[in-house]
Structures are given as structure tokens and as C-alpha cells.
Amino acid sequence: MKLTRRHVLAGAIAAPALIKMGGTARAATTLKISHQFPGGTIDDGDFRDRLVRKFAAGVEKATTAN
């Protein structure tokens, strides 16, 4: 793979965030997902809303399991 200016710039932009995190996720991190589609429930409604709800349920399950 050839290293280009674009790769160097992307690495320079990402470096402060990676250094700040220190390679580990913090327990106080909050994920927020925003979408513009009609709401519903995990079983009814727009499929994009259902996907977001299922993702949120999976994240909740994974974080409470630890």
C-alpha cells in the first residue's frame, strides 16, 4: 500500500482522539444515534428505526454483561 498525503493527514487528524482514549473505552462514554425516520417499537415501524433500537438493545446487553 502506498502512503499518500491523504493517509498522513487522516492519521494526524485521528491521532489526538486515539491518544486521549489511551486505547481503552471509558465507562462514562455515551453513544447517541440520531435518525430522521418515523419511530415505532422494536417489532413495528420503519425498518431503520427498528435497526437502531435493536443496536441499542445489543449495546445495552453487552455493556451490562461485563
N, C-alpha and C. Protein backbone atom coordinates (compact mmCIF):
# COMPACT_ATOMS: atom_id res chain seq x y z
N MET A 1 0.84 -1.18 0.00
CA MET A 1 0.00 0.00 0.00
C MET A 1 0.89 1.23 0.00
N LYS A 2 0.59 2.14 -0.88
CA LYS A 2 1.36 3.36 -0.99
C LYS A 2 0.84 4.39 0.01
N LEU A 3 1.74 5.00 0.77
CA LEU A 3 1.37 6.02 1.74
C LEU A 3 1.23 7.36 1.04
N THR A 4 0.07 7.95 1.12
CA THR A 4 -0.20 9.22 0.45
C THR A 4 -0.38 10.33 1.47
N ARG A 5 -0.42 11.55 0.99
CA ARG A 5 -0.67 12.69 1.88
C ARG A 5 -2.02 12.56 2.56
N ARG A 6 -2.96 12.00 1.85
CA ARG A 6 -4.31 11.81 2.42
C ARG A 6 -4.24 10.89 3.63
N HIS A 7 -3.47 9.81 3.56
CA HIS A 7 -3.33 8.90 4.69
C HIS A 7 -2.63 9.58 5.87
N VAL A 8 -1.60 10.34 5.58
CA VAL A 8 -0.87 11.04 6.64
C VAL A 8 -1.78 12.06 7.32
N LEU A 9 -2.54 12.80 6.52
CA LEU A 9 -3.46 13.80 7.08
C LEU A 9 -4.54 13.14 7.93
N ALA A 10 -5.10 12.04 7.44
CA ALA A 10 -6.12 11.34 8.21
C ALA A 10 -5.56 10.83 9.54
N GLY A 11 -4.32 10.33 9.52
CA GLY A 11 -3.69 9.87 10.75
C GLY A 11 -3.42 11.00 11.71
N ALA A 12 -3.01 12.15 11.16
CA ALA A 12 -2.74 13.32 12.02
C ALA A 12 -4.02 13.84 12.67
N ILE A 13 -5.11 13.77 11.94
CA ILE A 13 -6.38 14.23 12.49
C ILE A 13 -6.89 13.27 13.55
N ALA A 14 -6.71 11.97 13.34
CA ALA A 14 -7.23 10.96 14.27
C ALA A 14 -6.34 10.79 15.50
N ALA A 15 -5.07 11.13 15.40
CA ALA A 15 -4.12 10.87 16.49
C ALA A 15 -4.53 11.45 17.85
N PRO A 16 -4.95 12.73 17.93
CA PRO A 16 -5.31 13.25 19.26
C PRO A 16 -6.44 12.48 19.94
N ALA A 17 -7.43 12.06 19.17
CA ALA A 17 -8.54 11.30 19.75
C ALA A 17 -8.05 9.93 20.24
N LEU A 18 -7.19 9.30 19.46
CA LEU A 18 -6.68 8.00 19.87
C LEU A 18 -5.78 8.10 21.09
N ILE A 19 -4.98 9.13 21.14
CA ILE A 19 -4.10 9.33 22.29
C ILE A 19 -4.92 9.61 23.55
N LYS A 20 -5.96 10.43 23.41
CA LYS A 20 -6.80 10.77 24.56
C LYS A 20 -7.49 9.54 25.13
N MET A 21 -7.97 8.66 24.25
CA MET A 21 -8.65 7.46 24.72
C MET A 21 -7.68 6.48 25.36
N GLY A 22 -6.44 6.52 24.96
CA GLY A 22 -5.46 5.63 25.56
C GLY A 22 -5.66 4.16 25.22
N GLY A 23 -6.43 3.88 24.18
CA GLY A 23 -6.64 2.50 23.76
C GLY A 23 -7.73 1.76 24.51
N THR A 24 -8.34 2.40 25.48
CA THR A 24 -9.41 1.73 26.23
C THR A 24 -10.66 2.61 26.21
N ALA A 25 -11.78 1.97 26.23
CA ALA A 25 -13.05 2.71 26.28
C ALA A 25 -13.34 3.09 27.73
N ARG A 26 -13.87 4.26 27.92
CA ARG A 26 -14.22 4.71 29.26
C ARG A 26 -15.64 4.28 29.58
N ALA A 27 -15.90 4.00 30.83
CA ALA A 27 -17.22 3.55 31.25
C ALA A 27 -18.27 4.64 31.10
N ALA A 28 -17.85 5.91 31.12
CA ALA A 28 -18.80 7.02 31.07
C ALA A 28 -19.14 7.44 29.64
N THR A 29 -18.67 6.70 28.64
CA THR A 29 -18.95 7.05 27.25
C THR A 29 -20.42 6.80 26.95
N THR A 30 -21.07 7.77 26.33
CA THR A 30 -22.46 7.65 25.94
C THR A 30 -22.56 7.68 24.43
N LEU A 31 -23.19 6.67 23.87
CA LEU A 31 -23.43 6.64 22.43
C LEU A 31 -24.81 7.21 22.15
N LYS A 32 -24.88 8.05 21.14
CA LYS A 32 -26.17 8.61 20.73
C LYS A 32 -26.35 8.34 19.24
N ILE A 33 -27.52 7.85 18.87
CA ILE A 33 -27.83 7.60 17.47
C ILE A 33 -29.01 8.48 17.11
N SER A 34 -28.86 9.21 16.04
CA SER A 34 -29.93 10.08 15.59
C SER A 34 -30.37 9.65 14.20
N HIS A 35 -31.66 9.68 13.97
CA HIS A 35 -32.17 9.40 12.63
C HIS A 35 -33.43 10.21 12.41
N GLN A 36 -33.83 10.30 11.17
CA GLN A 36 -34.98 11.14 10.81
C GLN A 36 -36.18 10.31 10.37
N PHE A 37 -36.25 9.08 10.78
CA PHE A 37 -37.30 8.20 10.31
C PHE A 37 -38.37 8.02 11.39
N PRO A 38 -39.59 7.67 10.98
CA PRO A 38 -40.68 7.53 11.94
C PRO A 38 -40.36 6.49 13.01
N GLY A 39 -40.73 6.79 14.22
CA GLY A 39 -40.50 5.88 15.33
C GLY A 39 -41.47 4.73 15.34
N GLY A 40 -41.29 3.85 16.25
CA GLY A 40 -42.15 2.69 16.40
C GLY A 40 -41.69 1.91 17.61
N THR A 41 -41.77 0.59 17.51
CA THR A 41 -41.28 -0.28 18.56
C THR A 41 -40.19 -1.17 17.96
N ILE A 42 -39.64 -2.04 18.75
CA ILE A 42 -38.58 -2.91 18.24
C ILE A 42 -39.12 -3.91 17.23
N ASP A 43 -40.45 -4.14 17.23
CA ASP A 43 -41.05 -5.08 16.29
C ASP A 43 -41.90 -4.42 15.20
N ASP A 44 -42.28 -3.17 15.37
CA ASP A 44 -43.14 -2.47 14.40
C ASP A 44 -42.51 -1.15 14.01
N GLY A 45 -42.93 -0.63 12.85
CA GLY A 45 -42.48 0.68 12.41
C GLY A 45 -41.45 0.59 11.30
N ASP A 46 -40.81 1.71 11.03
CA ASP A 46 -39.82 1.82 9.97
C ASP A 46 -38.63 0.90 10.26
N PHE A 47 -38.12 0.21 9.23
CA PHE A 47 -37.05 -0.76 9.46
C PHE A 47 -35.77 -0.10 9.97
N ARG A 48 -35.53 1.16 9.58
CA ARG A 48 -34.31 1.84 10.06
C ARG A 48 -34.43 2.14 11.54
N ASP A 49 -35.62 2.50 12.00
CA ASP A 49 -35.84 2.73 13.42
C ASP A 49 -35.69 1.43 14.19
N ARG A 50 -36.20 0.33 13.63
CA ARG A 50 -36.06 -0.97 14.28
C ARG A 50 -34.60 -1.37 14.40
N LEU A 51 -33.81 -1.10 13.34
CA LEU A 51 -32.38 -1.43 13.39
C LEU A 51 -31.68 -0.66 14.49
N VAL A 52 -32.02 0.63 14.63
CA VAL A 52 -31.40 1.44 15.68
C VAL A 52 -31.79 0.91 17.06
N ARG A 53 -33.04 0.56 17.22
CA ARG A 53 -33.50 0.03 18.51
C ARG A 53 -32.83 -1.30 18.84
N LYS A 54 -32.68 -2.18 17.83
CA LYS A 54 -32.01 -3.46 18.06
C LYS A 54 -30.53 -3.25 18.38
N PHE A 55 -29.89 -2.29 17.70
CA PHE A 55 -28.50 -1.97 18.00
C PHE A 55 -28.37 -1.49 19.44
N ALA A 56 -29.26 -0.60 19.85
CA ALA A 56 -29.23 -0.07 21.22
C ALA A 56 -29.44 -1.18 22.24
N ALA A 57 -30.35 -2.11 21.94
CA ALA A 57 -30.58 -3.22 22.86
C ALA A 57 -29.33 -4.11 22.95
N GLY A 58 -28.68 -4.34 21.83
CA GLY A 58 -27.46 -5.13 21.83
C GLY A 58 -26.33 -4.49 22.60
N VAL A 59 -26.20 -3.15 22.45
CA VAL A 59 -25.17 -2.43 23.21
C VAL A 59 -25.47 -2.50 24.69
N GLU A 60 -26.72 -2.32 25.04
CA GLU A 60 -27.12 -2.38 26.46
C GLU A 60 -26.82 -3.75 27.04
N LYS A 61 -27.13 -4.80 26.29
CA LYS A 61 -26.89 -6.16 26.74
C LYS A 61 -25.38 -6.41 26.91
N ALA A 62 -24.59 -5.93 25.96
CA ALA A 62 -23.15 -6.16 26.01
C ALA A 62 -22.50 -5.39 27.14
N THR A 63 -23.00 -4.19 27.45
CA THR A 63 -22.38 -3.40 28.50
C THR A 63 -22.81 -3.83 29.89
N THR A 64 -23.99 -4.39 30.03
CA THR A 64 -24.43 -4.84 31.35
C THR A 64 -23.90 -6.24 31.65
N ALA A 65 -23.44 -6.95 30.63
CA ALA A 65 -22.92 -8.30 30.85
C ALA A 65 -21.55 -8.27 31.50
N ASN A 66 -20.85 -7.15 31.40
CA ASN A 66 -19.48 -7.08 31.96
C ASN A 66 -19.50 -6.78 33.41
